[in-house]
Amino acid sequence: MQKRSNFKWLLRAALCLAVCLICAFSASAKGTAQTDSLLAKVQLPKVLGDGKFQIGDVEFNHLLIPRYVIEQYDDSDYAVYPGETDDHVTEVKRYLFSNDNFPKNEYVTYTQVRPPKADGESREWIETYFDEHLATLLRTLYLFCGLEDKEPCIDELTRYLLDCLPQASLEMRWDIEAVYKYTLVKEGNWGTVGRDGTLDHLYYFAQTDPDWAREQFDFYKNDPDFPNGVTIQDRGCGCACASMVFSAYHMVEITPRITANYADAGSWHVSYGLPNEYFQGIARYYYSFEKERYGTELLGPKILSKDEVNMETLADQIGNKGYLAIIHVKSGAFTSQEHYMVLADYREIDGKGYFLVADPYMQSSRYGSRDQLLAVEGSTNDGLIYATADLLYRDCKSLILFEQDRNDFPLYCRTSKPESGWLN
């Protein structure tokens, strides 16, 4: 920090001196050959990425950084790389996550900084871990600064570039954020970050997560037949499923705490949990949640009864068209009572078709490979399981279908020209 402060002072002093010289000569010899010669020699600093760059068919403007600033940080006192754990990572994540610094941006998400589980089995502090999402964000920032060949790391140059972000316009910050989120989608790395630092490549939220599991979820407020004491863990499967789906379509983390607050404010009074209509209501509520920032919109879902569901058609919709669905199941292979789960993907494994089920009720070793169920290889998430269409249809009561491609993330430029990212 001291090194950056000293350099900022020197940069300001040099620029002020140049301006003073220009003004002095202009005043004493305006229009003369001597003044013209001097003005030709005093130029703005050369910058990296002083033009446009292209992603797909879209052109973006650079965040201009003086070349000699880059050279100033050639020899950093430290460097932290993806996969490592370090206090410098914590500082960067807290800076980017803070609403005080970036109230209209989501550069770092809740799951990248959340506290450890109470059992202590997971990574002690996820915020100290240099995860893949942070690496992608830094690569995106380098791209905007004309440093596309720089390996993502946290060093003094990266800290300087991050400090430049607040100097850019909101439109430029939105462009950087949109390209970052777009890259996550195209690389298949979008979604939440697990407490062990791994990615499931989807947004996953559990009603059993200790961050909110014991919070009161008493949506029977005025009904004397249902006393207080219901929690998100008890009846929050619908809220957790809504969080998974709406986070995927809006590309921000909408936690079950938020969706439970919406349910709490409504009139969703049923004994076993939330009704299907809750998902239509919250879809209307969040319809243009991030339209200004990303251009994303989520249409209301279609509610299908069991006899309206064709599993072969559903497999094509989820596996090929990118749709998402929330399945409402009765007591059976997945639960002892009615329950909501997300159908997040469909694929063939060893010649047999399976839906990827994201069950919000996470419980260690609840599932395992057995008849019509297949464990998700390589995942540490106990809430994920592959299930056959036959098994899901057997237990299905109804289906909430979102008929939009979860991978369709719009990309367009919001700025009209390159911008200076110098620290003022």
Protein backbone atom coordinates (compact mmCIF):
# COMPACT_ATOMS: atom_id res chain seq x y z
CA MET A 1 0.00 0.00 0.00
CA GLN A 2 2.87 2.45 0.83
CA LYS A 3 4.51 1.74 -2.51
CA ARG A 4 1.30 2.57 -4.37
CA SER A 5 0.78 5.75 -2.32
CA ASN A 6 4.29 7.02 -3.02
CA PHE A 7 3.94 6.32 -6.71
CA LYS A 8 0.57 8.09 -6.88
CA TRP A 9 2.17 11.17 -5.31
CA LEU A 10 5.03 11.13 -7.81
CA LEU A 11 2.63 10.66 -10.74
CA ARG A 12 0.52 13.59 -9.64
CA ALA A 13 3.57 15.78 -9.15
CA ALA A 14 4.90 14.93 -12.63
CA LEU A 15 1.59 15.65 -14.31
CA CYS A 16 1.17 18.92 -12.41
CA LEU A 17 4.66 19.99 -13.45
CA ALA A 18 3.91 19.21 -17.10
CA VAL A 19 0.69 21.23 -16.97
CA CYS A 20 2.48 24.17 -15.34
CA LEU A 21 5.17 24.15 -18.02
CA ILE A 22 2.61 24.09 -20.78
CA CYS A 23 0.63 26.94 -19.23
CA ALA A 24 3.76 29.05 -18.67
CA PHE A 25 5.03 28.69 -22.22
CA SER A 26 1.56 29.14 -23.66
CA ALA A 27 1.16 32.41 -21.76
CA SER A 28 4.54 33.85 -22.80
CA ALA A 29 4.83 32.58 -26.35
CA LYS A 30 1.38 31.62 -27.47
CA GLY A 31 1.28 30.64 -31.12
CA THR A 32 5.03 30.70 -31.53
CA ALA A 33 7.13 27.92 -33.02
CA GLN A 34 8.82 27.46 -29.66
CA THR A 35 5.49 26.76 -27.93
CA ASP A 36 4.37 24.38 -30.67
CA SER A 37 7.63 22.47 -30.36
CA LEU A 38 7.28 22.17 -26.60
CA LEU A 39 3.65 21.05 -26.81
CA ALA A 40 4.63 18.36 -29.29
CA LYS A 41 7.14 16.98 -26.81
CA VAL A 42 4.80 17.01 -23.79
CA GLN A 43 2.40 14.17 -24.53
CA LEU A 44 -0.10 12.17 -22.52
CA PRO A 45 1.44 8.97 -21.15
CA LYS A 46 1.35 5.99 -23.44
CA VAL A 47 -1.25 3.51 -22.33
CA LEU A 48 -1.93 -0.17 -22.77
CA GLY A 49 -5.01 -1.15 -24.75
CA ASP A 50 -5.70 2.31 -26.14
CA GLY A 51 -8.21 0.98 -28.68
CA LYS A 52 -11.09 -1.47 -28.66
CA PHE A 53 -11.06 -5.22 -28.23
CA GLN A 54 -13.58 -7.79 -29.33
CA ILE A 55 -15.37 -10.71 -27.68
CA GLY A 56 -17.42 -12.65 -30.18
CA ASP A 57 -19.21 -10.02 -32.26
CA VAL A 58 -19.15 -7.37 -29.52
CA GLU A 59 -16.55 -4.60 -29.26
CA PHE A 60 -15.57 -3.27 -25.84
CA ASN A 61 -13.58 -0.24 -24.73
CA HIS A 62 -10.41 -0.51 -22.71
CA LEU A 63 -9.79 0.78 -19.22
CA LEU A 64 -6.73 2.91 -19.91
CA ILE A 65 -3.70 2.41 -17.68
CA PRO A 66 -0.40 4.31 -18.30
CA ARG A 67 2.34 2.02 -19.52
CA TYR A 68 4.84 3.33 -17.01
CA VAL A 69 2.46 2.46 -14.19
CA ILE A 70 2.61 -1.15 -15.34
CA GLU A 71 6.39 -0.98 -15.42
CA GLN A 72 6.45 0.47 -11.89
CA TYR A 73 4.98 -2.79 -10.58
CA ASP A 74 7.19 -5.19 -12.52
CA ASP A 75 8.89 -6.30 -9.30
CA SER A 76 6.15 -7.06 -6.78
CA ASP A 77 6.95 -7.92 -3.20
CA TYR A 78 4.42 -10.76 -3.26
CA ALA A 79 2.31 -12.86 -5.62
CA VAL A 80 -0.54 -15.26 -4.79
CA TYR A 81 -1.87 -17.66 -7.43
CA PRO A 82 -5.13 -19.62 -7.97
CA GLY A 83 -5.47 -22.56 -5.61
CA GLU A 84 -3.43 -20.92 -2.87
CA THR A 85 -4.61 -19.63 0.52
CA ASP A 86 -3.36 -16.29 1.73
CA ASP A 87 -4.44 -13.20 3.68
CA HIS A 88 -3.96 -11.10 0.54
CA VAL A 89 -6.86 -13.07 -0.98
CA THR A 90 -9.03 -12.18 2.00
CA GLU A 91 -8.24 -8.48 1.58
CA VAL A 92 -9.12 -8.56 -2.12
CA LYS A 93 -12.35 -10.51 -1.62
CA ARG A 94 -13.54 -8.24 1.18
CA TYR A 95 -12.74 -5.17 -0.90
CA LEU A 96 -14.66 -6.45 -3.93
CA PHE A 97 -17.56 -7.87 -1.90
CA SER A 98 -18.15 -4.65 0.05
CA ASN A 99 -21.32 -2.73 -0.78
CA ASP A 100 -19.49 0.39 0.37
CA ASN A 101 -17.08 0.05 -2.56
CA PHE A 102 -19.30 -1.57 -5.18
CA PRO A 103 -23.00 -1.29 -4.27
CA LYS A 104 -24.12 -2.05 -7.85
CA ASN A 105 -21.62 -4.76 -8.75
CA GLU A 106 -21.18 -8.43 -7.87
CA TYR A 107 -17.51 -9.10 -8.45
CA VAL A 108 -17.25 -11.43 -5.45
CA THR A 109 -20.27 -13.43 -4.29
CA TYR A 110 -21.54 -14.49 -0.90
CA THR A 111 -20.35 -18.09 -1.33
CA GLN A 112 -16.79 -16.84 -1.93
CA VAL A 113 -16.62 -15.18 1.49
CA ARG A 114 -19.10 -17.10 3.66
CA PRO A 115 -18.04 -18.46 7.05
CA PRO A 116 -16.99 -22.09 7.61
CA LYS A 117 -19.42 -24.84 8.61
CA ALA A 118 -19.77 -25.42 12.32
CA ASP A 119 -18.44 -28.97 12.09
CA GLY A 120 -15.04 -27.70 10.96
CA GLU A 121 -14.76 -30.37 8.26
CA SER A 122 -14.59 -27.91 5.39
CA ARG A 123 -12.02 -25.29 4.50
CA GLU A 124 -11.48 -23.08 7.55
CA TRP A 125 -12.16 -19.83 5.71
CA ILE A 126 -13.24 -19.92 2.08
CA GLU A 127 -12.47 -16.20 1.77
CA THR A 128 -8.72 -16.91 2.12
CA TYR A 129 -8.84 -19.31 -0.84
CA PHE A 130 -7.97 -18.10 -4.36
CA ASP A 131 -10.87 -19.77 -6.18
CA GLU A 132 -11.53 -20.16 -9.90
CA HIS A 133 -14.15 -17.41 -9.97
CA LEU A 134 -11.68 -14.86 -8.64
CA ALA A 135 -9.12 -16.04 -11.19
CA THR A 136 -11.64 -15.51 -14.02
CA LEU A 137 -12.48 -12.05 -12.72
CA LEU A 138 -8.83 -11.04 -12.71
CA ARG A 139 -8.31 -12.39 -16.23
CA THR A 140 -11.26 -10.25 -17.31
CA LEU A 141 -9.85 -7.15 -15.63
CA TYR A 142 -6.48 -7.75 -17.30
CA LEU A 143 -8.24 -8.02 -20.66
CA PHE A 144 -9.88 -4.63 -20.20
CA CYS A 145 -6.51 -3.13 -19.24
CA GLY A 146 -4.66 -4.57 -22.25
CA LEU A 147 -2.84 -7.19 -20.17
CA GLU A 148 -4.45 -10.28 -21.63
CA ASP A 149 -1.19 -12.26 -21.39
CA LYS A 150 -0.81 -11.73 -17.64
CA GLU A 151 -1.30 -14.81 -15.49
CA PRO A 152 -4.01 -14.26 -12.86
CA CYS A 153 -2.46 -13.54 -9.49
CA ILE A 154 -2.75 -11.15 -6.60
CA ASP A 155 0.30 -8.91 -6.64
CA GLU A 156 0.94 -5.17 -6.37
CA LEU A 157 -0.03 -4.52 -9.99
CA THR A 158 -3.32 -6.39 -9.58
CA ARG A 159 -4.05 -4.45 -6.39
CA TYR A 160 -3.39 -1.22 -8.27
CA LEU A 161 -5.78 -2.22 -11.07
CA LEU A 162 -8.46 -3.14 -8.54
CA ASP A 163 -7.99 0.23 -6.86
CA CYS A 164 -8.63 1.84 -10.26
CA LEU A 165 -12.09 0.29 -10.60
CA PRO A 166 -13.99 2.89 -8.56
CA GLN A 167 -12.54 5.61 -10.85
CA ALA A 168 -14.26 4.05 -13.86
CA SER A 169 -17.86 4.83 -14.76
CA LEU A 170 -20.64 2.52 -13.64
CA GLU A 171 -21.11 1.54 -17.29
CA MET A 172 -17.48 0.45 -17.53
CA ARG A 173 -17.77 -1.52 -14.30
CA TRP A 174 -20.90 -3.19 -15.65
CA ASP A 175 -19.06 -4.06 -18.88
CA ILE A 176 -16.26 -5.68 -16.87
CA GLU A 177 -18.74 -7.55 -14.72
CA ALA A 178 -20.84 -8.69 -17.69
CA VAL A 179 -17.80 -10.05 -19.55
CA TYR A 180 -16.73 -11.81 -16.35
CA LYS A 181 -20.13 -13.47 -15.92
CA TYR A 182 -20.32 -14.24 -19.65
CA THR A 183 -16.93 -15.96 -19.44
CA LEU A 184 -18.09 -18.06 -16.49
CA VAL A 185 -21.11 -19.19 -18.50
CA LYS A 186 -19.15 -19.99 -21.64
CA GLU A 187 -16.51 -21.91 -19.68
CA GLY A 188 -19.18 -23.78 -17.70
CA ASN A 189 -17.89 -22.45 -14.38
CA TRP A 190 -20.84 -20.31 -13.35
CA GLY A 191 -22.56 -20.97 -10.05
CA THR A 192 -21.78 -21.09 -6.37
CA VAL A 193 -18.41 -21.88 -4.78
CA GLY A 194 -18.41 -24.74 -2.29
CA ARG A 195 -16.94 -24.32 1.17
CA ASP A 196 -14.05 -26.54 0.09
CA GLY A 197 -13.39 -24.24 -2.86
CA THR A 198 -14.77 -26.61 -5.52
CA LEU A 199 -17.30 -25.74 -8.23
CA ASP A 200 -20.40 -27.77 -9.08
CA HIS A 201 -20.91 -25.62 -12.21
CA LEU A 202 -24.42 -24.69 -11.12
CA TYR A 203 -26.04 -22.52 -8.50
CA TYR A 204 -26.69 -24.71 -5.47
CA PHE A 205 -28.28 -23.62 -2.20
CA ALA A 206 -29.37 -25.95 0.60
CA GLN A 207 -32.21 -25.37 3.02
CA THR A 208 -30.00 -27.19 5.54
CA ASP A 209 -27.10 -24.74 5.18
CA PRO A 210 -26.12 -23.63 8.71
CA ASP A 211 -26.01 -20.01 7.54
CA TRP A 212 -29.82 -19.89 7.53
CA ALA A 213 -31.18 -23.36 8.38
CA ARG A 214 -32.39 -22.41 11.87
CA GLU A 215 -33.89 -19.08 10.90
CA GLN A 216 -37.62 -18.83 11.50
CA PHE A 217 -39.75 -19.40 8.43
CA ASP A 218 -43.20 -18.95 9.85
CA PHE A 219 -45.39 -18.31 6.84
CA TYR A 220 -48.56 -19.21 8.81
CA LYS A 221 -48.39 -15.92 10.71
CA ASN A 222 -52.09 -15.44 11.38
CA ASP A 223 -53.16 -19.07 11.55
CA PRO A 224 -53.56 -20.34 15.14
CA ASP A 225 -53.41 -23.96 13.95
CA PHE A 226 -49.73 -23.52 13.10
CA PRO A 227 -47.64 -22.21 16.01
CA ASN A 228 -44.28 -20.48 15.57
CA GLY A 229 -41.12 -22.53 15.27
CA VAL A 230 -41.02 -23.53 11.61
CA THR A 231 -37.55 -22.95 10.12
CA ILE A 232 -36.04 -22.73 6.65
CA GLN A 233 -34.60 -26.21 7.20
CA ASP A 234 -38.07 -27.55 8.04
CA ARG A 235 -40.05 -26.03 5.18
CA GLY A 236 -37.63 -24.11 3.00
CA CYS A 237 -37.15 -26.50 0.09
CA GLY A 238 -39.20 -24.27 -2.21
CA CYS A 239 -37.19 -21.20 -1.24
CA ALA A 240 -33.89 -22.99 -1.81
CA CYS A 241 -35.06 -24.23 -5.22
CA ALA A 242 -36.16 -20.72 -6.17
CA SER A 243 -32.70 -19.48 -5.14
CA MET A 244 -31.02 -22.01 -7.43
CA VAL A 245 -33.19 -21.23 -10.44
CA PHE A 246 -33.37 -17.45 -10.17
CA SER A 247 -29.65 -17.16 -9.42
CA ALA A 248 -28.93 -19.12 -12.60
CA TYR A 249 -31.09 -16.93 -14.81
CA HIS A 250 -30.10 -13.60 -13.27
CA MET A 251 -26.42 -14.56 -12.72
CA VAL A 252 -26.31 -13.28 -9.15
CA GLU A 253 -26.51 -15.17 -5.88
CA ILE A 254 -30.04 -14.94 -4.47
CA THR A 255 -29.86 -16.91 -1.22
CA PRO A 256 -32.72 -18.82 0.49
CA ARG A 257 -32.74 -16.11 3.14
CA ILE A 258 -33.85 -13.64 0.43
CA THR A 259 -36.43 -15.92 -1.18
CA ALA A 260 -37.79 -16.86 2.25
CA ASN A 261 -38.32 -13.18 3.02
CA TYR A 262 -40.39 -12.90 -0.15
CA ALA A 263 -42.44 -15.95 0.83
CA ASP A 264 -42.89 -14.57 4.32
CA ALA A 265 -44.39 -11.39 2.91
CA GLY A 266 -46.97 -13.28 0.83
CA SER A 267 -50.00 -15.42 1.58
CA TRP A 268 -48.62 -18.88 0.83
CA HIS A 269 -50.54 -20.85 3.46
CA VAL A 270 -50.29 -24.60 3.02
CA SER A 271 -49.46 -27.19 5.66
CA TYR A 272 -46.54 -28.92 3.93
CA GLY A 273 -44.71 -25.88 2.53
CA LEU A 274 -45.04 -23.48 -0.38
CA PRO A 275 -47.50 -24.01 -3.26
CA ASN A 276 -46.47 -24.12 -6.92
CA GLU A 277 -47.89 -20.64 -7.46
CA TYR A 278 -45.15 -19.22 -5.23
CA PHE A 279 -42.67 -19.74 -8.09
CA GLN A 280 -44.85 -17.78 -10.50
CA GLY A 281 -45.18 -14.98 -7.96
CA ILE A 282 -41.49 -14.66 -7.24
CA ALA A 283 -40.72 -14.88 -10.98
CA ARG A 284 -42.92 -11.82 -11.52
CA TYR A 285 -41.18 -10.13 -8.59
CA TYR A 286 -37.72 -10.80 -10.03
CA TYR A 287 -38.71 -10.51 -13.70
CA SER A 288 -36.24 -7.72 -14.51
CA PHE A 289 -34.04 -8.11 -11.43
CA GLU A 290 -30.79 -7.47 -13.34
CA LYS A 291 -32.11 -6.08 -16.61
CA GLU A 292 -30.28 -2.76 -16.24
CA ARG A 293 -26.97 -4.38 -15.37
CA TYR A 294 -26.97 -7.48 -17.61
CA GLY A 295 -30.09 -7.34 -19.74
CA THR A 296 -31.43 -10.54 -18.15
CA GLU A 297 -35.16 -11.21 -17.82
CA LEU A 298 -36.89 -14.30 -16.46
CA LEU A 299 -40.36 -15.14 -17.67
CA GLY A 300 -42.88 -16.83 -15.40
CA PRO A 301 -42.74 -20.64 -15.30
CA LYS A 302 -45.30 -23.08 -16.59
CA ILE A 303 -46.91 -25.34 -13.99
CA LEU A 304 -47.58 -28.87 -15.28
CA SER A 305 -49.52 -31.62 -13.58
CA LYS A 306 -48.00 -35.10 -13.66
CA ASP A 307 -50.16 -36.26 -16.57
CA GLU A 308 -48.94 -33.26 -18.62
CA VAL A 309 -45.26 -34.15 -18.14
CA ASN A 310 -43.47 -36.02 -20.91
CA MET A 311 -40.08 -37.13 -19.56
CA GLU A 312 -38.54 -37.60 -22.99
CA THR A 313 -39.49 -34.06 -23.96
CA LEU A 314 -38.26 -32.79 -20.60
CA ALA A 315 -34.89 -34.49 -21.11
CA ASP A 316 -34.46 -32.61 -24.39
CA GLN A 317 -35.56 -29.32 -22.86
CA ILE A 318 -33.17 -29.52 -19.91
CA GLY A 319 -30.29 -31.30 -21.62
CA ASN A 320 -30.29 -29.52 -24.99
CA LYS A 321 -32.33 -26.34 -24.70
CA GLY A 322 -30.91 -25.28 -21.34
CA TYR A 323 -34.25 -25.10 -19.51
CA LEU A 324 -34.50 -25.55 -15.75
CA ALA A 325 -37.31 -27.24 -13.85
CA ILE A 326 -38.41 -27.65 -10.26
CA ILE A 327 -40.01 -31.01 -9.62
CA HIS A 328 -42.59 -31.39 -6.87
CA VAL A 329 -42.35 -34.94 -5.54
CA LYS A 330 -44.38 -36.92 -3.06
CA SER A 331 -43.11 -39.49 -0.57
CA GLY A 332 -40.86 -42.00 -2.30
CA ALA A 333 -37.20 -42.45 -3.22
CA PHE A 334 -36.24 -38.87 -2.35
CA THR A 335 -38.30 -37.88 0.66
CA SER A 336 -40.73 -39.08 3.31
CA GLN A 337 -43.04 -36.15 2.57
CA GLU A 338 -43.70 -33.70 -0.24
CA HIS A 339 -40.59 -31.93 -1.44
CA TYR A 340 -39.19 -29.62 -4.15
CA MET A 341 -35.97 -30.33 -6.06
CA VAL A 342 -34.28 -28.76 -9.08
CA LEU A 343 -33.67 -30.67 -12.32
CA ALA A 344 -30.44 -28.97 -13.33
CA ASP A 345 -29.16 -31.03 -16.26
CA TYR A 346 -29.63 -34.20 -18.29
CA ARG A 347 -26.99 -36.47 -19.77
CA GLU A 348 -26.30 -40.02 -20.81
CA ILE A 349 -23.86 -42.02 -18.67
CA ASP A 350 -22.73 -45.42 -19.89
CA GLY A 351 -25.59 -45.45 -22.37
CA LYS A 352 -28.30 -44.62 -19.81
CA GLY A 353 -30.08 -41.28 -19.41
CA TYR A 354 -30.03 -39.42 -16.08
CA PHE A 355 -31.33 -36.11 -14.79
CA LEU A 356 -29.03 -34.19 -12.46
CA VAL A 357 -31.11 -33.59 -9.34
CA ALA A 358 -30.17 -30.73 -7.00
CA ASP A 359 -31.86 -31.66 -3.73
CA PRO A 360 -31.91 -28.67 -1.33
CA TYR A 361 -32.07 -30.97 1.70
CA MET A 362 -28.39 -31.84 1.96
CA GLN A 363 -27.57 -34.73 4.23
CA SER A 364 -24.32 -36.66 4.37
CA SER A 365 -24.58 -40.00 2.52
CA ARG A 366 -28.29 -39.54 1.95
CA TYR A 367 -27.87 -40.78 -1.57
CA GLY A 368 -25.64 -43.33 -3.18
CA SER A 369 -25.45 -45.32 -6.38
CA ARG A 370 -28.27 -47.83 -6.44
CA ASP A 371 -31.16 -48.81 -8.65
CA GLN A 372 -32.04 -45.79 -10.86
CA LEU A 373 -29.78 -43.47 -8.84
CA LEU A 374 -26.15 -42.65 -9.60
CA ALA A 375 -23.69 -40.68 -7.47
CA VAL A 376 -22.14 -37.57 -9.05
CA GLU A 377 -18.52 -38.53 -9.58
CA GLY A 378 -15.98 -36.01 -8.34
CA SER A 379 -18.47 -33.86 -6.43
CA THR A 380 -18.30 -33.26 -2.68
CA ASN A 381 -21.89 -31.98 -2.69
CA ASP A 382 -24.19 -34.41 -0.88
CA GLY A 383 -27.22 -32.65 -2.36
CA LEU A 384 -26.52 -33.76 -5.94
CA ILE A 385 -27.61 -37.07 -7.42
CA TYR A 386 -28.34 -38.47 -10.89
CA ALA A 387 -31.78 -40.06 -11.24
CA THR A 388 -33.53 -41.84 -14.09
CA ALA A 389 -36.62 -40.43 -15.77
CA ASP A 390 -38.68 -43.43 -14.65
CA LEU A 391 -37.89 -42.88 -10.98
CA LEU A 392 -38.58 -39.16 -11.13
CA TYR A 393 -41.86 -39.64 -12.98
CA ARG A 394 -42.97 -42.27 -10.47
CA ASP A 395 -42.60 -39.82 -7.57
CA CYS A 396 -43.64 -36.70 -9.49
CA LYS A 397 -46.68 -34.76 -8.35
CA SER A 398 -46.21 -31.71 -10.58
CA LEU A 399 -43.52 -29.77 -12.43
CA ILE A 400 -42.58 -26.08 -12.57
CA LEU A 401 -40.87 -25.53 -15.94
CA PHE A 402 -38.78 -22.47 -16.84
CA GLU A 403 -38.71 -22.35 -20.64
CA GLN A 404 -35.55 -20.29 -21.13
CA ASP A 405 -31.94 -21.23 -21.81
CA ARG A 406 -29.96 -20.91 -18.57
CA ASN A 407 -26.80 -20.44 -20.67
CA ASP A 408 -28.20 -17.54 -22.71
CA PHE A 409 -26.36 -14.60 -21.17
CA PRO A 410 -26.65 -11.40 -23.27
CA LEU A 411 -23.45 -9.58 -24.13
CA TYR A 412 -23.30 -5.94 -25.26
CA CYS A 413 -21.14 -2.87 -24.63
CA ARG A 414 -22.46 -0.08 -22.41
CA THR A 415 -19.58 2.41 -22.74
CA SER A 416 -19.05 4.73 -25.72
CA LYS A 417 -15.27 5.23 -25.46
CA PRO A 418 -12.17 4.07 -23.56
CA GLU A 419 -11.90 5.38 -20.00
CA SER A 420 -9.03 6.33 -17.73
CA GLY A 421 -8.51 4.07 -14.77
CA TRP A 422 -5.87 6.24 -13.09
CA LEU A 423 -6.15 6.78 -9.40
CA ASN A 424 -7.12 10.35 -8.57
